[in-house]
Amino acid sequence: MTLSRDGARATMPAPSGPPVVTIHLDLPYSSDSARLFASLARQPWAHWLDSAWPASRAGRYDIITALPRATLVTRGQETRIEYADGRFELSRASPLELLRACLGPQRGPLEVPFAGGALGYFGYDLARRLHRLPAVAKDVEGAPEMAVGIYDGALVIDHHEHRCHLWASDDAAGRDWAERFLAALREEPAAQDFTLTGEIECSLDREAYRRAFAQVQDYIRAGDCYQVNLAMRFAAPCLGHPWALYLALRARNPAPFSAWLNFPFGQVLSSSPERFLCVRDGLVETRPIKGTRPRSDDPGEDARQQAELSGSAKDRAENLMIVDLLRNDLGQVCALGSVTVPSLFALESYATVHHLVSTVQGRLADGRSALDQLAAAFPGGSITGAPKLRAMQIIEELEAERRGVYCGAIGYLGHDGGMDTNIAIRTLTCADNQLRFWAGGGLVADSQADAEYQECLDKARATREVLAGFRDR
């Protein structure tokens, strides 16, 4: 069985303990959650996990939340925990262990995917707290390695039942949160202009990419690694608030694990097609993507690209390497013998590309949690390579700038013990009047430099086309 935001659930025992919530309010339903979220889009720490992508293939649930009772922001070795009343504390302890403490004991069961808990992002560079990595790449973006809010409730939009529920904890804090959240929803959306004020620049031109590609091939021939995910960064100066840009991106390049995150330090806009980790009722699932071909407006050419990808021995081998890596990552936390691969090399088509997608599942061992699984598997193997640690060391050497949010994970960990996160690809950040986004791909022994470079451009194509409409004229 494949877990998804459409509400599929495993037939396993629910966690013990009192329910997470026992009260909720029905609100008017809208098929487009952007209408509900518009008044919150500029609210600090207002987040939207956006799954309706498009109407014909809509995910079941969208999740909207704001007004956290606490926030955790990690920069380097220090995490700042700030509370809604203005109190704060600083800690050099493990960010994930601090998050575990803020979440408190697991509760359950839960009728919807998320009704309170932690929601935000875990940047790729959080891996520096989990793995021993060199410090070579420059931190140009300056984004926190982790930025997560702790929420007392959420607005959950059910696109199958056409219902909109506001869920909150059945206590004074939850009721107070619900009242303030409803008041924020009634506010008029603010005008939000956004403009690119300069050209989009790429960190690697074709010749620089070829040189980095050659170094990866040298490492593969030397036996250091089997696969390395090499990425390039795009950046452009900008002015304004990018809410209109996100709406344009989701219209042009809809994806099942999209997200809008609004922070005091900037915004994160994601159109990710890839699930990293989902935990529901003890069942763990990851769905790595490896293998890409561009879409074509010509039906015959589009079918040819599909057939070529499905039959590509190179892409299948690349996908299988990551499946094996993720089986090992899940095996660190899941019960012995429970890790399976129910689907290999499934073809999935999106607005601008076709992908090969596999599914790996396992069952949490007794006494282990979703947060344990996140720590064991982070960052996702599909955006590092194999073996993971050596691939990350090579990435640090060859990519001149740190990835920041890109290739980390966006999603939630609920009070019920559930989790759902994406791989933060097709993801943009906007901060300090700079817009940044990345594209990359896995390199193996029989990769070809020009083909891999073109694949990166294909992955960035939809974003660049949308941005052309926001250029300062």
Protein backbone atom coordinates (compact mmCIF):
# COMPACT_ATOMS: atom_id res chain seq x y z
CA MET A 1 0.00 0.00 0.00
CA THR A 2 1.28 3.46 -0.88
CA LEU A 3 0.81 6.23 1.64
CA SER A 4 -0.08 9.68 0.34
CA ARG A 5 -1.64 12.95 1.34
CA ASP A 6 -4.87 11.45 0.01
CA GLY A 7 -5.40 9.81 3.38
CA ALA A 8 -4.46 6.17 2.76
CA ARG A 9 -3.64 4.56 6.11
CA ALA A 10 -1.94 1.38 7.23
CA THR A 11 -3.86 -1.25 9.20
CA MET A 12 -1.64 -1.01 12.26
CA PRO A 13 -2.34 -0.25 15.91
CA ALA A 14 -2.85 3.43 16.69
CA PRO A 15 -0.59 5.08 19.28
CA SER A 16 -1.83 4.96 22.82
CA GLY A 17 -2.69 8.10 24.74
CA PRO A 18 -5.40 10.75 24.57
CA PRO A 19 -6.54 12.05 21.17
CA VAL A 20 -4.59 14.95 19.70
CA VAL A 21 -7.79 16.90 19.16
CA THR A 22 -11.43 16.45 20.06
CA ILE A 23 -12.83 19.74 18.68
CA HIS A 24 -12.92 21.20 15.21
CA LEU A 25 -14.85 23.81 13.25
CA ASP A 26 -16.25 23.45 9.73
CA LEU A 27 -15.52 26.40 7.44
CA PRO A 28 -16.68 27.15 3.89
CA TYR A 29 -14.87 24.95 1.37
CA SER A 30 -12.96 26.27 -1.63
CA SER A 31 -11.40 24.07 -4.28
CA ASP A 32 -8.51 26.54 -4.50
CA SER A 33 -6.80 26.87 -1.12
CA ALA A 34 -4.96 29.96 -2.37
CA ARG A 35 -8.15 31.92 -1.72
CA LEU A 36 -8.15 30.81 1.90
CA PHE A 37 -4.45 31.45 2.40
CA ALA A 38 -4.17 34.83 0.65
CA SER A 39 -4.85 36.84 3.81
CA LEU A 40 -2.10 34.93 5.63
CA ALA A 41 0.56 34.95 2.91
CA ARG A 42 2.51 37.83 4.49
CA GLN A 43 2.02 36.67 8.07
CA PRO A 44 5.37 35.66 9.62
CA TRP A 45 5.48 31.89 10.13
CA ALA A 46 2.36 31.29 8.01
CA HIS A 47 2.79 28.07 6.02
CA TRP A 48 0.82 26.21 3.36
CA LEU A 49 1.47 22.59 2.31
CA ASP A 50 -0.17 22.62 -1.10
CA SER A 51 -1.25 19.26 -2.56
CA ALA A 52 -4.00 20.04 -5.08
CA TRP A 53 -2.03 19.83 -8.28
CA PRO A 54 -4.13 19.97 -10.68
CA ALA A 55 -7.82 19.41 -10.10
CA SER A 56 -7.86 16.23 -12.20
CA ARG A 57 -5.12 14.68 -10.01
CA ALA A 58 -5.61 16.61 -6.78
CA GLY A 59 -4.17 15.33 -3.58
CA ARG A 60 -6.73 14.97 -0.85
CA TYR A 61 -5.45 17.37 1.81
CA ASP A 62 -4.01 20.87 1.96
CA ILE A 63 -2.63 22.05 5.29
CA ILE A 64 -2.51 25.71 6.36
CA THR A 65 -1.20 27.02 9.65
CA ALA A 66 0.11 30.19 11.27
CA LEU A 67 0.67 31.82 14.68
CA PRO A 68 3.09 29.30 16.23
CA ARG A 69 3.42 29.10 20.00
CA ALA A 70 7.16 28.56 19.55
CA THR A 71 9.74 28.67 16.75
CA LEU A 72 13.10 26.93 16.38
CA VAL A 73 15.71 28.51 14.12
CA THR A 74 19.13 26.87 13.78
CA ARG A 75 22.15 28.77 12.49
CA GLY A 76 25.45 26.96 12.70
CA GLN A 77 25.88 25.41 16.14
CA GLU A 78 23.14 27.45 17.82
CA THR A 79 19.37 27.10 17.86
CA ARG A 80 17.16 29.98 18.99
CA ILE A 81 13.86 28.86 20.53
CA GLU A 82 11.45 31.78 20.69
CA TYR A 83 8.02 31.72 22.29
CA ALA A 84 4.89 33.64 21.36
CA ASP A 85 5.17 35.82 24.47
CA GLY A 86 8.62 37.05 23.39
CA ARG A 87 10.72 34.84 25.65
CA PHE A 88 13.60 33.03 24.00
CA GLU A 89 16.48 30.72 24.78
CA LEU A 90 19.62 29.68 22.92
CA SER A 91 20.96 26.15 22.78
CA ARG A 92 23.86 24.31 21.18
CA ALA A 93 22.16 20.93 21.61
CA SER A 94 21.11 18.79 18.64
CA PRO A 95 18.38 20.68 16.69
CA LEU A 96 16.34 17.51 16.22
CA GLU A 97 16.52 16.66 19.92
CA LEU A 98 15.38 20.20 20.75
CA LEU A 99 12.49 19.68 18.37
CA ARG A 100 11.63 16.39 20.06
CA ALA A 101 11.47 18.17 23.42
CA CYS A 102 9.22 20.92 22.04
CA LEU A 103 6.83 18.38 20.52
CA GLY A 104 6.46 16.53 23.80
CA PRO A 105 5.03 13.02 24.27
CA GLN A 106 3.32 11.39 21.30
CA ARG A 107 -0.46 11.50 21.31
CA GLY A 108 -3.11 9.99 19.09
CA PRO A 109 -5.11 8.91 17.20
CA LEU A 110 -5.85 11.60 14.62
CA GLU A 111 -8.59 11.92 12.00
CA VAL A 112 -6.64 14.19 9.64
CA PRO A 113 -2.96 14.23 8.58
CA PHE A 114 -1.96 17.17 10.77
CA ALA A 115 -3.73 19.09 13.53
CA GLY A 116 -0.79 20.56 15.38
CA GLY A 117 2.90 19.93 15.89
CA ALA A 118 6.02 21.03 14.01
CA LEU A 119 5.91 22.42 10.47
CA GLY A 120 8.65 24.11 8.44
CA TYR A 121 11.89 23.12 6.73
CA PHE A 122 15.08 21.20 7.38
CA GLY A 123 17.79 22.66 5.12
CA TYR A 124 20.34 20.48 3.34
CA ASP A 125 23.10 21.97 5.49
CA LEU A 126 21.48 20.60 8.65
CA ALA A 127 23.40 17.49 7.55
CA ARG A 128 26.49 19.16 9.08
CA ARG A 129 24.99 18.39 12.50
CA LEU A 130 24.47 14.73 11.53
CA HIS A 131 27.56 13.92 9.43
CA ARG A 132 31.20 14.93 9.47
CA LEU A 133 31.59 17.21 6.44
CA PRO A 134 34.31 19.63 5.37
CA ALA A 135 33.53 23.36 5.32
CA VAL A 136 34.49 24.43 1.79
CA ALA A 137 31.41 25.82 0.06
CA LYS A 138 30.52 29.44 0.81
CA ASP A 139 27.33 30.26 2.73
CA VAL A 140 26.10 32.89 0.27
CA GLU A 141 22.41 32.57 1.08
CA GLY A 142 22.75 32.75 4.88
CA ALA A 143 19.53 30.77 5.42
CA PRO A 144 19.02 28.95 8.74
CA GLU A 145 19.76 25.25 8.62
CA MET A 146 16.39 24.57 10.28
CA ALA A 147 13.32 26.77 10.65
CA VAL A 148 10.30 25.10 12.27
CA GLY A 149 7.24 26.40 14.07
CA ILE A 150 5.30 24.55 16.79
CA TYR A 151 1.59 25.00 16.12
CA ASP A 152 -1.50 24.35 18.24
CA GLY A 153 -3.71 23.60 15.27
CA ALA A 154 -4.19 23.73 11.51
CA LEU A 155 -6.70 24.41 8.78
CA VAL A 156 -7.12 21.15 6.84
CA ILE A 157 -8.83 21.26 3.43
CA ASP A 158 -10.21 17.91 2.28
CA HIS A 159 -10.55 17.98 -1.52
CA HIS A 160 -12.23 14.59 -1.68
CA GLU A 161 -15.06 15.37 0.73
CA HIS A 162 -15.09 19.09 -0.17
CA ARG A 163 -14.77 20.10 3.44
CA CYS A 164 -12.62 22.61 5.31
CA HIS A 165 -11.90 21.95 8.99
CA LEU A 166 -10.13 24.04 11.57
CA TRP A 167 -8.59 21.71 14.13
CA ALA A 168 -7.14 22.83 17.45
CA SER A 169 -6.11 21.28 20.76
CA ASP A 170 -8.95 20.96 23.24
CA ASP A 171 -7.46 23.27 25.83
CA ALA A 172 -7.16 26.98 26.50
CA ALA A 173 -4.08 27.38 24.31
CA GLY A 174 -5.74 25.63 21.37
CA ARG A 175 -8.93 27.64 21.67
CA ASP A 176 -6.96 30.87 21.86
CA TRP A 177 -5.00 29.84 18.77
CA ALA A 178 -8.20 29.08 16.87
CA GLU A 179 -9.71 32.48 17.68
CA ARG A 180 -6.59 34.34 16.55
CA PHE A 181 -6.28 32.19 13.43
CA LEU A 182 -9.89 32.86 12.41
CA ALA A 183 -9.35 36.59 12.93
CA ALA A 184 -6.29 36.48 10.66
CA LEU A 185 -8.26 34.64 7.96
CA ARG A 186 -10.83 37.48 7.91
CA GLU A 187 -8.22 40.15 7.16
CA GLU A 188 -8.06 41.64 3.67
CA PRO A 189 -5.10 40.36 1.62
CA ALA A 190 -2.39 43.00 1.21
CA ALA A 191 -1.20 44.12 -2.21
CA GLN A 192 1.89 42.13 -3.14
CA ASP A 193 4.05 43.28 -6.04
CA PHE A 194 7.08 41.30 -7.14
CA THR A 195 9.65 42.08 -9.82
CA LEU A 196 12.94 40.69 -11.04
CA THR A 197 15.28 43.64 -11.37
CA GLY A 198 18.15 41.92 -13.20
CA GLU A 199 19.20 38.92 -15.25
CA ILE A 200 19.21 35.34 -13.98
CA GLU A 201 22.77 34.14 -13.49
CA CYS A 202 23.92 30.54 -13.15
CA SER A 203 26.74 29.34 -10.93
CA LEU A 204 27.99 26.89 -13.62
CA ASP A 205 28.17 27.54 -17.34
CA ARG A 206 28.57 24.58 -19.69
CA GLU A 207 32.38 24.54 -19.52
CA ALA A 208 32.48 24.86 -15.72
CA TYR A 209 29.91 22.06 -15.48
CA ARG A 210 32.06 19.85 -17.72
CA ARG A 211 35.07 20.40 -15.45
CA ALA A 212 33.07 19.47 -12.33
CA PHE A 213 31.57 16.51 -14.19
CA ALA A 214 35.07 15.27 -15.08
CA GLN A 215 36.12 15.44 -11.43
CA VAL A 216 33.08 13.36 -10.44
CA GLN A 217 34.02 10.78 -13.07
CA ASP A 218 37.56 10.63 -11.67
CA TYR A 219 36.14 9.87 -8.21
CA ILE A 220 33.85 7.18 -9.63
CA ARG A 221 36.72 5.50 -11.52
CA ALA A 222 38.85 5.63 -8.34
CA GLY A 223 36.13 3.75 -6.44
CA ASP A 224 35.26 6.64 -4.10
CA CYS A 225 31.57 6.60 -5.07
CA TYR A 226 28.99 5.18 -7.44
CA GLN A 227 26.84 8.27 -7.92
CA VAL A 228 27.05 11.98 -7.09
CA ASN A 229 24.24 14.51 -7.40
CA LEU A 230 25.79 17.65 -8.91
CA ALA A 231 23.70 20.85 -8.84
CA MET A 232 23.89 24.39 -10.16
CA ARG A 233 22.44 27.55 -8.63
CA PHE A 234 20.43 30.25 -10.43
CA ALA A 235 20.04 33.70 -8.88
CA ALA A 236 18.58 37.09 -9.75
CA PRO A 237 18.01 40.38 -7.90
CA CYS A 238 14.39 41.14 -7.07
CA LEU A 239 12.05 43.51 -5.27
CA GLY A 240 8.78 42.88 -3.47
CA HIS A 241 6.97 39.93 -1.96
CA PRO A 242 6.83 36.74 -4.10
CA TRP A 243 3.28 35.55 -3.34
CA ALA A 244 2.16 36.30 -6.93
CA LEU A 245 5.21 34.38 -8.16
CA TYR A 246 4.18 31.32 -6.15
CA LEU A 247 0.68 31.42 -7.64
CA ALA A 248 2.19 31.60 -11.12
CA LEU A 249 4.57 28.72 -10.39
CA ARG A 250 1.84 26.41 -9.09
CA ALA A 251 -0.25 27.18 -12.19
CA ARG A 252 2.67 26.45 -14.56
CA ASN A 253 4.35 23.58 -12.70
CA PRO A 254 1.90 21.97 -10.25
CA ALA A 255 3.35 19.25 -8.04
CA PRO A 256 2.02 17.00 -5.26
CA PHE A 257 4.42 18.20 -2.53
CA SER A 258 4.32 21.93 -3.12
CA ALA A 259 4.66 24.45 -0.29
CA TRP A 260 4.72 28.13 0.58
CA LEU A 261 6.60 29.05 3.76
CA ASN A 262 6.73 32.66 4.97
CA PHE A 263 9.42 33.52 7.51
CA PRO A 264 10.61 36.80 9.00
CA PHE A 265 13.88 36.29 7.10
CA GLY A 266 12.37 35.39 3.71
CA GLN A 267 10.11 33.04 1.78
CA VAL A 268 10.41 29.47 0.50
CA LEU A 269 8.44 28.48 -2.63
CA SER A 270 8.42 24.80 -3.52
CA SER A 271 6.92 22.83 -6.41
CA SER A 272 8.46 19.52 -5.44
CA PRO A 273 7.22 16.27 -7.02
CA GLU A 274 9.21 14.08 -4.62
CA ARG A 275 8.25 12.64 -1.26
CA PHE A 276 11.13 12.21 1.18
CA LEU A 277 9.65 10.50 4.23
CA CYS A 278 6.10 9.83 5.30
CA VAL A 279 5.19 8.08 8.56
CA ARG A 280 1.58 7.17 9.22
CA ASP A 281 0.49 4.72 11.93
CA GLY A 282 4.04 3.36 12.10
CA LEU A 283 4.39 2.71 8.37
CA VAL A 284 7.32 4.54 6.73
CA GLU A 285 7.43 5.41 3.04
CA THR A 286 9.93 7.15 0.78
CA ARG A 287 9.55 7.66 -3.00
CA PRO A 288 12.90 8.55 -4.61
CA ILE A 289 13.02 10.09 -8.08
CA LYS A 290 15.90 9.20 -10.38
CA GLY A 291 15.64 9.39 -14.16
CA THR A 292 14.32 12.40 -16.10
CA ARG A 293 13.26 13.27 -19.64
CA PRO A 294 11.74 16.55 -20.91
CA ARG A 295 8.07 16.83 -21.88
CA SER A 296 7.12 17.81 -25.42
CA ASP A 297 4.02 19.55 -26.80
CA ASP A 298 4.11 17.05 -29.67
CA PRO A 299 2.29 13.87 -28.52
CA GLY A 300 4.50 11.59 -30.59
CA GLU A 301 7.73 13.08 -29.26
CA ASP A 302 6.36 13.07 -25.72
CA ALA A 303 5.56 9.35 -26.02
CA ARG A 304 9.04 8.73 -27.44
CA GLN A 305 10.62 10.44 -24.41
CA GLN A 306 8.49 8.33 -22.08
CA ALA A 307 9.51 5.11 -23.82
CA GLU A 308 13.18 6.10 -23.84
CA LEU A 309 13.12 6.81 -20.10
CA SER A 310 11.24 3.63 -19.23
CA GLY A 311 13.72 1.54 -21.21
CA SER A 312 16.90 3.29 -20.11
CA ALA A 313 19.27 0.85 -18.39
CA LYS A 314 21.38 3.78 -17.17
CA ASP A 315 18.44 5.55 -15.50
CA ARG A 316 17.16 2.33 -13.95
CA ALA A 317 20.60 1.58 -12.52
CA GLU A 318 20.84 5.11 -11.14
CA ASN A 319 17.41 4.74 -9.53
CA LEU A 320 18.28 1.33 -8.09
CA MET A 321 21.44 2.69 -6.40
CA ILE A 322 19.32 5.18 -4.47
CA VAL A 323 16.66 2.59 -3.65
CA ASP A 324 19.37 0.42 -2.07
CA LEU A 325 20.71 3.42 -0.12
CA LEU A 326 17.24 4.25 1.19
CA ARG A 327 16.57 0.63 2.13
CA ASN A 328 19.62 0.89 4.35
CA ASP A 329 18.50 4.27 5.76
CA LEU A 330 15.07 2.88 6.64
CA GLY A 331 16.64 -0.30 8.02
CA GLN A 332 18.42 1.71 10.73
CA VAL A 333 15.07 2.55 12.37
CA CYS A 334 12.52 0.08 10.96
CA ALA A 335 11.79 -3.39 12.32
CA LEU A 336 14.04 -6.18 11.07
CA GLY A 337 12.68 -7.66 7.84
CA SER A 338 9.99 -5.00 7.37
CA VAL A 339 11.67 -2.94 4.63
CA THR A 340 10.23 -3.70 1.18
CA VAL A 341 10.21 -2.17 -2.31
CA PRO A 342 6.61 -2.44 -3.58
CA SER A 343 7.30 -0.40 -6.73
CA LEU A 344 10.38 0.06 -8.93
CA PHE A 345 10.83 2.49 -11.84
CA ALA A 346 7.24 3.71 -12.10
CA LEU A 347 6.87 6.39 -14.80
CA GLU A 348 5.31 9.65 -13.58
CA SER A 349 4.72 12.69 -15.79
CA TYR A 350 4.68 16.32 -14.67
CA ALA A 351 4.26 19.65 -16.43
CA THR A 352 7.75 19.82 -17.95
CA VAL A 353 9.43 16.45 -17.25
CA HIS A 354 8.88 12.70 -16.98
CA HIS A 355 10.42 10.88 -13.99
CA LEU A 356 11.17 7.36 -12.84
CA VAL A 357 9.87 6.93 -9.27
CA SER A 358 10.33 3.99 -6.90
CA THR A 359 8.68 3.28 -3.54
CA VAL A 360 10.41 1.93 -0.43
CA GLN A 361 8.45 1.09 2.73
CA GLY A 362 9.15 -0.16 6.23
CA ARG A 363 7.58 -0.36 9.70
CA LEU A 364 9.05 1.54 12.64
CA ALA A 365 10.63 -0.72 15.23
CA ASP A 366 9.20 -0.64 18.74
CA GLY A 367 10.28 2.46 20.59
CA ARG A 368 11.38 4.32 17.43
CA SER A 369 9.74 7.48 16.06
CA ALA A 370 9.33 9.52 12.91
CA LEU A 371 11.99 11.91 14.19
CA ASP A 372 14.41 9.00 14.56
CA GLN A 373 13.74 8.07 10.94
CA LEU A 374 14.28 11.64 9.80
CA ALA A 375 17.66 11.76 11.54
CA ALA A 376 18.71 8.38 10.11
CA ALA A 377 17.84 9.19 6.49
CA PHE A 378 18.61 12.92 6.26
CA PRO A 379 19.40 14.30 3.74
CA GLY A 380 17.60 12.22 1.13
CA GLY A 381 19.83 9.87 -0.86
CA SER A 382 18.29 10.87 -4.18
CA ILE A 383 19.93 14.31 -3.90
CA THR A 384 23.31 13.20 -2.51
CA GLY A 385 24.45 10.04 -4.25
CA ALA A 386 26.00 6.82 -3.00
CA PRO A 387 27.64 6.11 -0.70
CA LYS A 388 25.99 9.08 0.95
CA LEU A 389 28.77 10.48 3.13
CA ARG A 390 31.43 10.36 0.39
CA ALA A 391 28.99 11.84 -2.13
CA MET A 392 28.26 14.75 0.24
CA GLN A 393 31.97 15.37 0.70
CA ILE A 394 32.41 15.56 -3.08
CA ILE A 395 29.40 17.88 -3.38
CA GLU A 396 31.00 20.17 -0.80
CA GLU A 397 34.19 20.25 -2.86
CA LEU A 398 32.62 20.85 -6.28
CA GLU A 399 29.65 23.13 -5.56
CA ALA A 400 31.03 26.56 -4.72
CA GLU A 401 28.01 27.59 -2.62
CA ARG A 402 26.06 25.84 0.11
CA ARG A 403 22.65 24.55 -0.89
CA GLY A 404 20.67 26.08 1.96
CA VAL A 405 17.04 24.97 1.83
CA TYR A 406 17.51 23.24 -1.54
CA CYS A 407 17.69 19.43 -1.26
CA GLY A 408 16.62 19.57 2.38
CA ALA A 409 13.04 18.71 3.36
CA ILE A 410 9.79 20.62 3.87
CA GLY A 411 6.87 19.23 5.85
CA TYR A 412 5.48 18.38 9.27
CA LEU A 413 5.85 16.16 12.31
CA GLY A 414 2.52 15.90 14.11
CA HIS A 415 1.70 15.44 17.78
CA ASP A 416 0.26 12.04 16.81
CA GLY A 417 3.67 10.78 15.64
CA GLY A 418 2.91 11.21 11.94
CA MET A 419 5.25 12.89 9.47
CA ASP A 420 5.20 13.89 5.81
CA THR A 421 8.10 15.67 4.10
CA ASN A 422 9.21 16.42 0.58
CA ILE A 423 12.63 16.61 -1.00
CA ALA A 424 13.05 20.36 -1.50
CA ILE A 425 13.74 20.31 -5.23
CA ARG A 426 12.06 22.71 -7.70
CA THR A 427 12.34 25.08 -4.75
CA LEU A 428 13.07 28.81 -4.65
CA THR A 429 14.08 31.10 -1.81
CA CYS A 430 13.56 34.84 -1.66
CA ALA A 431 15.49 36.89 0.90
CA ASP A 432 17.46 40.15 1.00
CA ASN A 433 16.24 41.10 -2.48
CA GLN A 434 17.70 37.94 -4.01
CA LEU A 435 15.79 35.10 -5.63
CA ARG A 436 17.60 31.77 -5.79
CA PHE A 437 16.78 28.34 -7.15
CA TRP A 438 18.74 25.24 -8.11
CA ALA A 439 18.70 22.28 -10.48
CA GLY A 440 20.78 19.12 -10.40
CA GLY A 441 21.02 15.49 -11.33
CA GLY A 442 22.75 12.26 -10.41
CA LEU A 443 25.99 11.40 -12.20
CA VAL A 444 27.10 7.78 -12.67
CA ALA A 445 29.89 6.08 -14.61
CA ASP A 446 28.12 6.11 -17.98
CA SER A 447 26.67 9.63 -17.69
CA GLN A 448 27.40 12.09 -20.51
CA ALA A 449 28.32 15.65 -19.53
CA ASP A 450 26.25 17.51 -22.12
CA ALA A 451 23.19 15.32 -21.54
CA GLU A 452 23.38 15.85 -17.78
CA TYR A 453 23.84 19.59 -18.22
CA GLN A 454 20.76 19.68 -20.45
CA GLU A 455 18.79 17.69 -17.88
CA CYS A 456 19.51 20.42 -15.31
CA LEU A 457 18.25 23.05 -17.74
CA ASP A 458 15.12 20.97 -18.41
CA LYS A 459 14.40 20.84 -14.67
CA ALA A 460 14.83 24.62 -14.37
CA ARG A 461 12.85 25.41 -17.52
CA ALA A 462 9.40 25.88 -15.97
CA THR A 463 10.76 28.19 -13.27
CA ARG A 464 12.66 30.31 -15.78
CA GLU A 465 9.62 30.58 -18.04
CA VAL A 466 7.47 31.81 -15.15
CA LEU A 467 10.12 34.28 -14.01
CA ALA A 468 10.20 35.81 -17.47
CA GLY A 469 6.76 37.23 -16.72
CA PHE A 470 8.08 39.07 -13.64
CA ARG A 471 11.01 40.79 -15.30
CA ASP A 472 11.33 44.54 -14.68
CA ARG A 473 10.46 46.30 -17.87
